Each structure stands twice: as C-alpha cells, then as structure tokens.
Amino acid sequence: MSNNNDGSEFLKGFLFGGLVGAVAALLYAPKSGKEVREDLRKMSAELKDDAETKLQLAQTRADALLAETKQKLEELRREAESAVAEIKKNAMETVAEGKGAVEKQRDRLKDALDAGVAAFKEEKQTKRKKAS
C-alpha cells in the first residue's frame, strides 16, 4: 500500500461503509415499505451531499497544493538561474586569471630567451676579440 495516499481511498471506503451501514440499518428496522423508501431517499441525499462536500474539499486541497508546487518550482528555477550565472562569472574570472598568468609567464620566458640570446652574442663577440 502506498504512503502517498491523497485521501481518495479513504473517501471511497468511508462512503461505502456508510452505505452498507445505512442499508443494514434499514433492512433490520421494523418499518413499512414507504418509511424504508423515504429513509433510503434521505440517506442517499445525505451521502450525496457528504460526498460532494468531501470532493469539494479535496479539490480545494489539490488546488492549494498545485499552487504551492508551482511557487516552489518557480523559486527553484530562479535559484538555478542565479547559480548558473554565478558559476559562469566564476569561470570567466578563472579563465581571465589563467590567461593573465600565461601571458606573464610568456613575457618572462621571452625576456629570459632574449637575455640568453644577448649573452650568447656577447660571449661570441668576446671570443672573437680574444681570437683576433
């Protein structure tokens, strides 16, 4: 049996039990046929009214639950959009920081390479002067 019962099974059981009880009471009561028929009409009208009341109550609860669910879904949607925007912003910042770090390393490497080339040329000139 499911724990997520919306009350419809209870309502059906309640109505069926009431009907069985009413019929049993009428059948065992010492009344004339006309009185029994009148009692049956009254009981059926009461059961119908009770069923309509319970149905309307169930519909009201379902409408309230639907509205609450829609509200929660809208809240979750807004939170998700906000989270996605924050993640996107963080990713863009990380990419920018990474790009800056790569450019800095590239510049340092270029400077080191330029210094190495200059040192090589200077050393080459020094050796030529000594050889001449």
N, C-alpha and C. Protein backbone atom coordinates (compact mmCIF):
# COMPACT_ATOMS: atom_id res chain seq x y z
N MET A 1 0.84 -1.17 0.00
CA MET A 1 0.00 0.00 0.00
C MET A 1 0.89 1.24 0.00
N SER A 2 0.54 2.23 -0.76
CA SER A 2 1.35 3.43 -0.90
C SER A 2 1.14 4.38 0.27
N ASN A 3 2.21 5.03 0.69
CA ASN A 3 2.11 6.02 1.75
C ASN A 3 1.65 7.36 1.21
N ASN A 4 1.68 7.55 -0.09
CA ASN A 4 1.30 8.81 -0.72
C ASN A 4 -0.18 8.78 -1.08
N ASN A 5 -1.04 8.52 -0.12
CA ASN A 5 -2.47 8.43 -0.36
C ASN A 5 -3.05 9.83 -0.32
N ASP A 6 -3.81 10.19 -1.34
CA ASP A 6 -4.38 11.53 -1.40
C ASP A 6 -5.73 11.63 -0.72
N GLY A 7 -6.18 10.59 -0.06
CA GLY A 7 -7.44 10.62 0.65
C GLY A 7 -8.59 10.04 -0.13
N SER A 8 -8.39 9.77 -1.42
CA SER A 8 -9.49 9.27 -2.23
C SER A 8 -9.88 7.85 -1.80
N GLU A 9 -8.90 7.04 -1.42
CA GLU A 9 -9.21 5.69 -0.97
C GLU A 9 -9.99 5.72 0.34
N PHE A 10 -9.60 6.63 1.22
CA PHE A 10 -10.32 6.77 2.48
C PHE A 10 -11.75 7.21 2.22
N LEU A 11 -11.91 8.18 1.31
CA LEU A 11 -13.24 8.69 0.98
C LEU A 11 -14.11 7.58 0.41
N LYS A 12 -13.56 6.78 -0.47
CA LYS A 12 -14.32 5.66 -1.06
C LYS A 12 -14.73 4.66 0.02
N GLY A 13 -13.80 4.34 0.90
CA GLY A 13 -14.09 3.40 1.98
C GLY A 13 -15.13 3.95 2.94
N PHE A 14 -15.00 5.23 3.23
CA PHE A 14 -15.96 5.87 4.13
C PHE A 14 -17.36 5.84 3.54
N LEU A 15 -17.48 6.21 2.27
CA LEU A 15 -18.79 6.23 1.62
C LEU A 15 -19.37 4.83 1.51
N PHE A 16 -18.54 3.88 1.14
CA PHE A 16 -19.02 2.50 1.01
C PHE A 16 -19.47 1.96 2.37
N GLY A 17 -18.69 2.21 3.40
CA GLY A 17 -19.05 1.77 4.75
C GLY A 17 -20.34 2.42 5.23
N GLY A 18 -20.48 3.70 4.94
CA GLY A 18 -21.71 4.39 5.33
C GLY A 18 -22.92 3.83 4.62
N LEU A 19 -22.76 3.53 3.34
CA LEU A 19 -23.85 2.97 2.55
C LEU A 19 -24.24 1.59 3.06
N VAL A 20 -23.26 0.75 3.33
CA VAL A 20 -23.54 -0.60 3.83
C VAL A 20 -24.23 -0.51 5.19
N GLY A 21 -23.74 0.36 6.05
CA GLY A 21 -24.34 0.54 7.37
C GLY A 21 -25.78 1.04 7.28
N ALA A 22 -26.01 1.97 6.38
CA ALA A 22 -27.35 2.53 6.22
C ALA A 22 -28.32 1.47 5.70
N VAL A 23 -27.90 0.73 4.71
CA VAL A 23 -28.76 -0.33 4.15
C VAL A 23 -29.05 -1.38 5.21
N ALA A 24 -28.04 -1.79 5.97
CA ALA A 24 -28.24 -2.79 7.01
C ALA A 24 -29.22 -2.27 8.08
N ALA A 25 -29.07 -1.02 8.46
CA ALA A 25 -29.96 -0.44 9.47
C ALA A 25 -31.40 -0.41 8.96
N LEU A 26 -31.57 -0.08 7.70
CA LEU A 26 -32.92 -0.02 7.13
C LEU A 26 -33.55 -1.39 7.01
N LEU A 27 -32.75 -2.35 6.63
CA LEU A 27 -33.29 -3.69 6.44
C LEU A 27 -33.72 -4.34 7.76
N TYR A 28 -33.03 -4.02 8.83
CA TYR A 28 -33.35 -4.62 10.11
C TYR A 28 -34.30 -3.77 10.95
N ALA A 29 -34.65 -2.60 10.49
CA ALA A 29 -35.57 -1.73 11.23
C ALA A 29 -37.01 -2.15 10.95
N PRO A 30 -37.85 -2.16 11.98
CA PRO A 30 -39.25 -2.54 11.80
C PRO A 30 -40.07 -1.36 11.28
N LYS A 31 -39.98 -1.11 9.95
CA LYS A 31 -40.71 0.00 9.35
C LYS A 31 -41.47 -0.52 8.14
N SER A 32 -42.42 0.30 7.70
CA SER A 32 -43.18 -0.05 6.50
C SER A 32 -42.32 0.24 5.27
N GLY A 33 -42.73 -0.28 4.15
CA GLY A 33 -42.00 -0.09 2.90
C GLY A 33 -41.88 1.37 2.54
N LYS A 34 -42.96 2.12 2.75
CA LYS A 34 -42.95 3.55 2.42
C LYS A 34 -41.92 4.27 3.29
N GLU A 35 -41.89 3.95 4.60
CA GLU A 35 -40.93 4.58 5.50
C GLU A 35 -39.50 4.21 5.14
N VAL A 36 -39.30 2.95 4.75
CA VAL A 36 -37.96 2.48 4.36
C VAL A 36 -37.50 3.23 3.12
N ARG A 37 -38.39 3.37 2.14
CA ARG A 37 -38.03 4.10 0.91
C ARG A 37 -37.70 5.56 1.22
N GLU A 38 -38.49 6.17 2.09
CA GLU A 38 -38.23 7.57 2.46
C GLU A 38 -36.89 7.69 3.19
N ASP A 39 -36.61 6.76 4.09
CA ASP A 39 -35.32 6.75 4.79
C ASP A 39 -34.16 6.57 3.81
N LEU A 40 -34.36 5.67 2.82
CA LEU A 40 -33.32 5.45 1.80
C LEU A 40 -33.08 6.72 0.99
N ARG A 41 -34.17 7.42 0.64
CA ARG A 41 -34.02 8.68 -0.11
C ARG A 41 -33.24 9.70 0.72
N LYS A 42 -33.58 9.81 2.00
CA LYS A 42 -32.89 10.77 2.87
C LYS A 42 -31.41 10.41 3.01
N MET A 43 -31.17 9.12 3.24
CA MET A 43 -29.78 8.69 3.41
C MET A 43 -28.97 8.88 2.14
N SER A 44 -29.58 8.58 1.00
CA SER A 44 -28.84 8.76 -0.25
C SER A 44 -28.57 10.24 -0.50
N ALA A 45 -29.52 11.12 -0.13
CA ALA A 45 -29.29 12.56 -0.28
C ALA A 45 -28.18 13.03 0.64
N GLU A 46 -28.19 12.51 1.89
CA GLU A 46 -27.13 12.87 2.83
C GLU A 46 -25.77 12.38 2.35
N LEU A 47 -25.73 11.15 1.85
CA LEU A 47 -24.47 10.61 1.33
C LEU A 47 -23.99 11.41 0.13
N LYS A 48 -24.92 11.80 -0.72
CA LYS A 48 -24.55 12.59 -1.90
C LYS A 48 -23.99 13.94 -1.46
N ASP A 49 -24.67 14.59 -0.51
CA ASP A 49 -24.19 15.88 -0.02
C ASP A 49 -22.82 15.74 0.64
N ASP A 50 -22.66 14.70 1.43
CA ASP A 50 -21.39 14.45 2.10
C ASP A 50 -20.28 14.20 1.08
N ALA A 51 -20.60 13.41 0.07
CA ALA A 51 -19.61 13.12 -0.97
C ALA A 51 -19.24 14.39 -1.72
N GLU A 52 -20.22 15.23 -2.03
CA GLU A 52 -19.93 16.48 -2.74
C GLU A 52 -19.07 17.41 -1.89
N THR A 53 -19.36 17.46 -0.59
CA THR A 53 -18.57 18.29 0.32
C THR A 53 -17.13 17.79 0.37
N LYS A 54 -16.97 16.50 0.52
CA LYS A 54 -15.62 15.93 0.59
C LYS A 54 -14.88 16.10 -0.75
N LEU A 55 -15.60 15.98 -1.85
CA LEU A 55 -14.99 16.18 -3.16
C LEU A 55 -14.53 17.63 -3.32
N GLN A 56 -15.37 18.56 -2.88
CA GLN A 56 -15.00 19.96 -2.98
C GLN A 56 -13.80 20.26 -2.08
N LEU A 57 -13.77 19.67 -0.90
CA LEU A 57 -12.62 19.84 0.00
C LEU A 57 -11.35 19.28 -0.64
N ALA A 58 -11.47 18.12 -1.23
CA ALA A 58 -10.30 17.50 -1.90
C ALA A 58 -9.84 18.38 -3.06
N GLN A 59 -10.78 18.95 -3.82
CA GLN A 59 -10.42 19.81 -4.95
C GLN A 59 -9.72 21.07 -4.45
N THR A 60 -10.21 21.63 -3.35
CA THR A 60 -9.58 22.82 -2.77
C THR A 60 -8.16 22.51 -2.32
N ARG A 61 -7.99 21.38 -1.66
CA ARG A 61 -6.65 20.97 -1.22
C ARG A 61 -5.72 20.74 -2.41
N ALA A 62 -6.25 20.11 -3.44
CA ALA A 62 -5.44 19.85 -4.64
C ALA A 62 -5.03 21.16 -5.30
N ASP A 63 -5.96 22.12 -5.38
CA ASP A 63 -5.63 23.42 -5.97
C ASP A 63 -4.56 24.14 -5.16
N ALA A 64 -4.68 24.08 -3.83
CA ALA A 64 -3.69 24.73 -2.97
C ALA A 64 -2.33 24.07 -3.13
N LEU A 65 -2.32 22.74 -3.20
CA LEU A 65 -1.07 22.02 -3.37
C LEU A 65 -0.45 22.33 -4.73
N LEU A 66 -1.26 22.44 -5.76
CA LEU A 66 -0.76 22.77 -7.09
C LEU A 66 -0.14 24.16 -7.09
N ALA A 67 -0.82 25.12 -6.46
CA ALA A 67 -0.30 26.49 -6.40
C ALA A 67 1.02 26.53 -5.63
N GLU A 68 1.09 25.80 -4.53
CA GLU A 68 2.32 25.75 -3.73
C GLU A 68 3.45 25.11 -4.52
N THR A 69 3.13 24.06 -5.24
CA THR A 69 4.15 23.37 -6.05
C THR A 69 4.67 24.29 -7.16
N LYS A 70 3.76 25.01 -7.80
CA LYS A 70 4.18 25.96 -8.85
C LYS A 70 5.09 27.03 -8.27
N GLN A 71 4.74 27.53 -7.09
CA GLN A 71 5.55 28.56 -6.45
C GLN A 71 6.95 28.02 -6.13
N LYS A 72 7.01 26.82 -5.59
CA LYS A 72 8.31 26.23 -5.25
C LYS A 72 9.14 25.98 -6.51
N LEU A 73 8.50 25.53 -7.58
CA LEU A 73 9.22 25.31 -8.82
C LEU A 73 9.78 26.62 -9.37
N GLU A 74 9.01 27.68 -9.28
CA GLU A 74 9.48 28.99 -9.75
C GLU A 74 10.66 29.45 -8.90
N GLU A 75 10.58 29.24 -7.60
CA GLU A 75 11.68 29.58 -6.70
C GLU A 75 12.95 28.81 -7.08
N LEU A 76 12.78 27.51 -7.31
CA LEU A 76 13.92 26.67 -7.69
C LEU A 76 14.51 27.11 -9.03
N ARG A 77 13.65 27.50 -9.96
CA ARG A 77 14.12 27.96 -11.27
C ARG A 77 14.97 29.22 -11.10
N ARG A 78 14.47 30.15 -10.28
CA ARG A 78 15.24 31.39 -10.06
C ARG A 78 16.57 31.10 -9.38
N GLU A 79 16.56 30.20 -8.40
CA GLU A 79 17.80 29.84 -7.71
C GLU A 79 18.78 29.18 -8.68
N ALA A 80 18.27 28.32 -9.55
CA ALA A 80 19.13 27.64 -10.52
C ALA A 80 19.74 28.65 -11.49
N GLU A 81 18.92 29.60 -11.95
CA GLU A 81 19.44 30.62 -12.86
C GLU A 81 20.53 31.44 -12.18
N SER A 82 20.30 31.77 -10.92
CA SER A 82 21.29 32.54 -10.16
C SER A 82 22.59 31.75 -10.00
N ALA A 83 22.44 30.46 -9.69
CA ALA A 83 23.62 29.61 -9.52
C ALA A 83 24.40 29.48 -10.83
N VAL A 84 23.69 29.32 -11.93
CA VAL A 84 24.35 29.21 -13.24
C VAL A 84 25.09 30.51 -13.56
N ALA A 85 24.46 31.65 -13.28
CA ALA A 85 25.11 32.93 -13.53
C ALA A 85 26.37 33.08 -12.68
N GLU A 86 26.30 32.66 -11.43
CA GLU A 86 27.46 32.75 -10.54
C GLU A 86 28.59 31.83 -11.02
N ILE A 87 28.24 30.63 -11.43
CA ILE A 87 29.25 29.68 -11.94
C ILE A 87 29.89 30.23 -13.20
N LYS A 88 29.07 30.81 -14.07
CA LYS A 88 29.59 31.38 -15.32
C LYS A 88 30.54 32.53 -15.01
N LYS A 89 30.15 33.38 -14.06
CA LYS A 89 31.00 34.51 -13.67
C LYS A 89 32.33 34.00 -13.11
N ASN A 90 32.27 33.02 -12.22
CA ASN A 90 33.50 32.46 -11.64
C ASN A 90 34.38 31.83 -12.71
N ALA A 91 33.75 31.14 -13.65
CA ALA A 91 34.54 30.52 -14.73
C ALA A 91 35.23 31.58 -15.57
N MET A 92 34.52 32.65 -15.87
CA MET A 92 35.11 33.72 -16.68
C MET A 92 36.28 34.37 -15.93
N GLU A 93 36.11 34.56 -14.61
CA GLU A 93 37.20 35.14 -13.81
C GLU A 93 38.40 34.21 -13.79
N THR A 94 38.15 32.91 -13.66
CA THR A 94 39.23 31.94 -13.63
C THR A 94 39.97 31.91 -14.97
N VAL A 95 39.20 31.97 -16.06
CA VAL A 95 39.83 31.99 -17.39
C VAL A 95 40.68 33.25 -17.54
N ALA A 96 40.14 34.39 -17.08
CA ALA A 96 40.89 35.64 -17.20
C ALA A 96 42.18 35.58 -16.37
N GLU A 97 42.07 35.02 -15.15
CA GLU A 97 43.27 34.89 -14.31
C GLU A 97 44.28 33.95 -14.97
N GLY A 98 43.79 32.86 -15.52
CA GLY A 98 44.68 31.91 -16.20
C GLY A 98 45.35 32.54 -17.41
N LYS A 99 44.58 33.31 -18.14
CA LYS A 99 45.12 33.98 -19.32
C LYS A 99 46.21 34.98 -18.90
N GLY A 100 45.93 35.71 -17.81
CA GLY A 100 46.92 36.66 -17.30
C GLY A 100 48.19 35.96 -16.86
N ALA A 101 48.04 34.83 -16.18
CA ALA A 101 49.21 34.08 -15.71
C ALA A 101 50.01 33.54 -16.89
N VAL A 102 49.33 33.05 -17.91
CA VAL A 102 50.02 32.53 -19.10
C VAL A 102 50.78 33.65 -19.79
N GLU A 103 50.15 34.81 -19.93
CA GLU A 103 50.81 35.94 -20.59
C GLU A 103 52.03 36.39 -19.78
N LYS A 104 51.91 36.39 -18.46
CA LYS A 104 53.03 36.79 -17.60
C LYS A 104 54.19 35.81 -17.76
N GLN A 105 53.88 34.52 -17.76
CA GLN A 105 54.92 33.51 -17.95
C GLN A 105 55.55 33.63 -19.33
N ARG A 106 54.71 33.88 -20.34
CA ARG A 106 55.23 34.04 -21.71
C ARG A 106 56.20 35.21 -21.77
N ASP A 107 55.83 36.34 -21.13
CA ASP A 107 56.71 37.51 -21.12
C ASP A 107 58.02 37.22 -20.39
N ARG A 108 57.92 36.51 -19.25
CA ARG A 108 59.13 36.16 -18.50
C ARG A 108 60.03 35.24 -19.33
N LEU A 109 59.41 34.28 -20.03
CA LEU A 109 60.17 33.36 -20.87
C LEU A 109 60.82 34.10 -22.03
N LYS A 110 60.09 35.04 -22.62
CA LYS A 110 60.64 35.84 -23.73
C LYS A 110 61.81 36.67 -23.24
N ASP A 111 61.65 37.29 -22.07
CA ASP A 111 62.75 38.09 -21.50
C ASP A 111 63.97 37.22 -21.24
N ALA A 112 63.73 36.02 -20.67
CA ALA A 112 64.85 35.11 -20.39
C ALA A 112 65.51 34.68 -21.69
N LEU A 113 64.71 34.37 -22.71
CA LEU A 113 65.26 33.97 -24.00
C LEU A 113 66.05 35.11 -24.63
N ASP A 114 65.51 36.33 -24.57
CA ASP A 114 66.23 37.50 -25.11
C ASP A 114 67.55 37.71 -24.37
N ALA A 115 67.52 37.53 -23.05
CA ALA A 115 68.73 37.69 -22.25
C ALA A 115 69.75 36.61 -22.62
N GLY A 116 69.25 35.38 -22.84
CA GLY A 116 70.13 34.29 -23.23
C GLY A 116 70.77 34.54 -24.60
N VAL A 117 69.96 35.03 -25.55
CA VAL A 117 70.48 35.33 -26.89
C VAL A 117 71.51 36.45 -26.80
N ALA A 118 71.20 37.48 -26.00
CA ALA A 118 72.14 38.60 -25.85
C ALA A 118 73.44 38.12 -25.21
N ALA A 119 73.33 37.27 -24.20
CA ALA A 119 74.53 36.75 -23.54
C ALA A 119 75.34 35.91 -24.51
N PHE A 120 74.66 35.12 -25.33
CA PHE A 120 75.34 34.28 -26.31
C PHE A 120 76.09 35.15 -27.31
N LYS A 121 75.43 36.19 -27.80
CA LYS A 121 76.08 37.08 -28.77
C LYS A 121 77.28 37.79 -28.14
N GLU A 122 77.11 38.21 -26.90
CA GLU A 122 78.21 38.90 -26.21
C GLU A 122 79.40 37.95 -26.01
N GLU A 123 79.07 36.74 -25.64
CA GLU A 123 80.13 35.75 -25.44
C GLU A 123 80.82 35.45 -26.77
N LYS A 124 80.03 35.38 -27.81
CA LYS A 124 80.59 35.11 -29.14
C LYS A 124 81.52 36.25 -29.55
N GLN A 125 81.14 37.49 -29.30
CA GLN A 125 81.98 38.63 -29.64
C GLN A 125 83.25 38.64 -28.78
N THR A 126 83.08 38.28 -27.53
CA THR A 126 84.25 38.26 -26.64
C THR A 126 85.25 37.23 -27.13
N LYS A 127 84.79 36.08 -27.56
CA LYS A 127 85.68 35.03 -28.07
C LYS A 127 86.34 35.46 -29.37
N ARG A 128 85.62 36.18 -30.21
CA ARG A 128 86.21 36.67 -31.47
C ARG A 128 87.32 37.68 -31.20
N LYS A 129 87.09 38.55 -30.22
CA LYS A 129 88.09 39.56 -29.89
C LYS A 129 89.35 38.90 -29.33
N LYS A 130 89.15 37.87 -28.53
CA LYS A 130 90.29 37.17 -27.97
C LYS A 130 91.02 36.38 -29.05
N ALA A 131 90.29 35.87 -30.01
CA ALA A 131 90.91 35.10 -31.07
C ALA A 131 91.62 36.01 -32.08
N SER A 132 91.28 37.24 -32.18
CA SER A 132 91.93 38.12 -33.17
C SER A 132 93.17 38.71 -32.68
